[in-house]
Every structure is written in C-alpha cells, then in structure tokens.
Amino acid sequence: MSFPKIGNKAPAFTLKNQLGEVVKLSELKGKKVVLYFYPKAMTPGCTTQACALRDVQAEYDSVNAVVLGVSPDAPERLKKFEDKHELNFTLLSDEDHAIAEKYGVWGLKKFMGREFMGILRTTFIIDEEGRLSHIMDKVKTKTHHDDVMVILKQ
C-alpha cells in the first residue's frame, strides 16, 4: 500500500461525523484541511493528540485550516470521545476503513508481540484547491499540533 502523491488531488471521501452527519471533502474547497488518521478513540496516544489539537484550534482557524480526525470507530464512540474531552473539531467514522485504504494508511501493525491490521497514524495536509501538499507519516502525538502548524504557515 502506498500514499497518494503530493500535488495530486486528495482522494475524495464522504464519511459520517460524530453527530451522524455526512461530511464531504469536496465541500471544504477554499480551506486548508488537516486530515489526520488515528487508530482508536479514547486510547492514550489518540487522546493526547486530539486534546492538543483542541487546545490550539484558534491558531488553525487563523490560517484558514479545518481539522478532520479519521478513525475506524463508529459515530457513537466518536461522540463519546468528543464529549469526554470537549473536542472542538470534526471526527469522522471510517468503519470499513475504505478511506484509510485509499490514503494508504491501513496496514500491518505490531503491538505487544501481536500483529494485526489497523490505522497507521498519518496526517495529510490538503490545500485550498483540494491537492495534497504534505504527508506526515512519522507523527509524534505530543508535538503533532505544533508540527502541523509549522507546515501550515510555510
């Protein structure tokens, strides 16, 4: 599996958010999109990453960027995650991992001696025209929010 190419149109998607509403990438033209894939809501690393993004949301707004978090969790679990941590951005449900596969982030993982398929923590920056401008495949949950902002300000 491989990532889509930088400079190409970002793979289109239509997914349900934490409220069960439909979100389409095509409807976000004119904004920068921070599309981040994370393994599972309410786990330690994913919570650290999401809460840091929550805390700097005003900075993202100031550079015309919208944050979308994508995981294989059901919308109901995403809503609980949002409520528990007072998240202020959109979470998207990719239960069949079809979009994760389109973006090349569904793959073999290893944890505690076990191998399984899952989301490979990755962030895609999509420009105002809907083209991929940057791919972050070495994401550190504690600094992700700052690392993305550096890219957005370039």
Protein backbone atom coordinates (compact mmCIF):
# COMPACT_ATOMS: atom_id res chain seq x y z
CA MET A 1 0.00 0.00 0.00
CA SER A 2 1.27 3.49 -0.79
CA PHE A 3 0.28 7.07 -0.12
CA PRO A 4 -1.35 9.23 -2.78
CA LYS A 5 1.16 11.55 -4.47
CA ILE A 6 1.83 15.07 -3.25
CA GLY A 7 0.50 17.59 -5.77
CA ASN A 8 -2.35 15.31 -6.87
CA LYS A 9 -5.97 15.79 -5.91
CA ALA A 10 -6.61 14.29 -2.49
CA PRO A 11 -8.73 11.14 -2.68
CA ALA A 12 -12.38 12.14 -2.34
CA PHE A 13 -14.45 10.90 0.57
CA THR A 14 -17.86 11.11 2.13
CA LEU A 15 -17.98 9.99 5.77
CA LYS A 16 -20.25 10.39 8.78
CA ASN A 17 -19.05 12.59 11.62
CA GLN A 18 -19.56 12.17 15.37
CA LEU A 19 -23.10 13.55 15.03
CA GLY A 20 -24.03 11.16 12.23
CA GLU A 21 -23.91 14.00 9.65
CA VAL A 22 -22.33 13.50 6.23
CA VAL A 23 -19.04 15.29 5.56
CA LYS A 24 -17.58 15.51 2.04
CA LEU A 25 -14.04 16.60 1.29
CA SER A 26 -15.32 18.39 -1.83
CA GLU A 27 -17.36 20.75 0.38
CA LEU A 28 -14.19 22.06 2.05
CA LYS A 29 -12.65 23.69 -1.02
CA GLY A 30 -11.20 27.09 -0.17
CA LYS A 31 -9.88 25.84 3.19
CA LYS A 32 -6.72 24.02 4.15
CA VAL A 33 -7.59 20.59 5.52
CA VAL A 34 -5.61 18.78 8.20
CA LEU A 35 -6.74 15.18 7.66
CA TYR A 36 -5.31 13.05 10.41
CA PHE A 37 -5.80 9.32 10.74
CA TYR A 38 -5.61 7.83 14.24
CA PRO A 39 -6.08 4.24 15.43
CA LYS A 40 -8.80 4.39 18.10
CA ALA A 41 -10.76 6.98 20.06
CA MET A 42 -10.19 7.20 23.81
CA THR A 43 -6.80 5.48 23.82
CA PRO A 44 -3.88 7.32 25.47
CA GLY A 45 -1.94 8.40 22.37
CA CYS A 46 -5.04 9.35 20.41
CA THR A 47 -6.39 11.35 23.35
CA THR A 48 -3.10 13.23 23.74
CA GLN A 49 -3.11 14.07 20.03
CA ALA A 50 -6.78 15.14 19.95
CA CYS A 51 -6.61 17.29 23.10
CA ALA A 52 -3.55 19.14 21.83
CA LEU A 53 -5.37 19.90 18.57
CA ARG A 54 -8.38 21.08 20.59
CA ASP A 55 -6.20 23.45 22.59
CA VAL A 56 -4.77 25.22 19.52
CA GLN A 57 -7.94 25.32 17.41
CA ALA A 58 -7.89 29.14 17.27
CA GLU A 59 -4.43 29.02 15.64
CA TYR A 60 -5.75 26.65 12.97
CA ASP A 61 -8.73 28.95 12.37
CA SER A 62 -6.31 31.87 11.91
CA VAL A 63 -4.64 30.13 8.95
CA ASN A 64 -7.96 29.02 7.37
CA ALA A 65 -7.45 25.36 8.30
CA VAL A 66 -10.06 22.79 9.32
CA VAL A 67 -9.10 19.68 11.30
CA LEU A 68 -10.65 16.30 10.49
CA GLY A 69 -9.77 13.26 12.57
CA VAL A 70 -10.47 9.87 10.96
CA SER A 71 -10.64 6.50 12.72
CA PRO A 72 -12.46 3.20 12.27
CA ASP A 73 -14.66 3.99 15.31
CA ALA A 74 -18.45 4.19 14.97
CA PRO A 75 -20.02 7.69 15.13
CA GLU A 76 -21.44 6.92 18.61
CA ARG A 77 -17.96 6.21 20.01
CA LEU A 78 -16.63 9.36 18.34
CA LYS A 79 -19.40 11.39 20.01
CA LYS A 80 -18.39 9.98 23.41
CA PHE A 81 -14.75 10.89 22.65
CA GLU A 82 -15.80 14.42 21.68
CA ASP A 83 -17.94 14.86 24.79
CA LYS A 84 -15.44 13.38 27.24
CA HIS A 85 -12.59 15.62 26.06
CA GLU A 86 -14.61 18.65 24.86
CA LEU A 87 -13.16 18.34 21.36
CA ASN A 88 -13.89 21.26 19.02
CA PHE A 89 -13.25 19.76 15.61
CA THR A 90 -14.79 17.11 13.37
CA LEU A 91 -14.22 13.40 13.90
CA LEU A 92 -15.03 11.07 11.01
CA SER A 93 -16.03 7.41 11.11
CA ASP A 94 -14.34 5.10 8.59
CA GLU A 95 -15.68 1.82 9.97
CA ASP A 96 -14.92 -0.22 6.86
CA HIS A 97 -11.51 1.51 6.55
CA ALA A 98 -12.15 2.18 2.84
CA ILE A 99 -10.86 5.76 3.08
CA ALA A 100 -7.85 4.68 5.14
CA GLU A 101 -7.06 2.23 2.34
CA LYS A 102 -7.45 4.97 -0.32
CA TYR A 103 -4.92 7.07 1.60
CA GLY A 104 -2.55 4.14 2.15
CA VAL A 105 -2.79 4.18 5.94
CA TRP A 106 -4.46 0.80 6.59
CA GLY A 107 -1.68 -1.67 7.20
CA LEU A 108 0.03 -4.27 9.34
CA LYS A 109 0.82 -3.15 12.87
CA LYS A 110 2.67 -4.79 15.73
CA PHE A 111 1.80 -4.33 19.39
CA MET A 112 2.96 -6.42 22.34
CA GLY A 113 4.15 -9.24 20.09
CA ARG A 114 0.89 -9.38 18.16
CA GLU A 115 0.36 -8.49 14.50
CA PHE A 116 -2.90 -7.06 13.21
CA MET A 117 -4.31 -4.71 10.58
CA GLY A 118 -5.09 -1.16 11.63
CA ILE A 119 -4.67 2.56 11.03
CA LEU A 120 -1.11 3.77 10.65
CA ARG A 121 -1.05 7.18 12.36
CA THR A 122 -0.58 9.61 9.47
CA THR A 123 -1.55 13.21 8.66
CA PHE A 124 -2.28 14.69 5.24
CA ILE A 125 -2.32 18.43 4.58
CA ILE A 126 -4.67 19.34 1.73
CA ASP A 127 -4.51 22.81 0.18
CA GLU A 128 -7.40 25.12 -0.66
CA GLU A 129 -7.67 23.59 -4.14
CA GLY A 130 -8.06 20.06 -2.79
CA ARG A 131 -4.50 18.94 -3.60
CA LEU A 132 -2.18 17.07 -1.25
CA SER A 133 0.55 19.45 -0.15
CA HIS A 134 2.21 17.44 2.62
CA ILE A 135 2.22 13.96 4.20
CA MET A 136 3.39 13.34 7.77
CA ASP A 137 3.98 9.64 8.32
CA LYS A 138 6.18 9.95 11.39
CA VAL A 139 3.65 11.51 13.75
CA LYS A 140 4.51 12.20 17.39
CA THR A 141 1.27 12.54 19.34
CA LYS A 142 2.70 15.08 21.84
CA THR A 143 4.00 17.53 19.19
CA HIS A 144 1.67 16.79 16.26
CA HIS A 145 -0.34 20.02 16.67
CA ASP A 146 2.82 22.18 16.55
CA ASP A 147 4.42 20.17 13.74
CA VAL A 148 1.30 20.65 11.59
CA MET A 149 1.19 24.39 12.32
CA VAL A 150 4.76 24.81 11.10
CA ILE A 151 3.74 23.22 7.79
CA LEU A 152 0.54 25.29 7.52
CA LYS A 153 2.47 28.53 7.97
CA GLN A 154 5.01 27.74 5.22
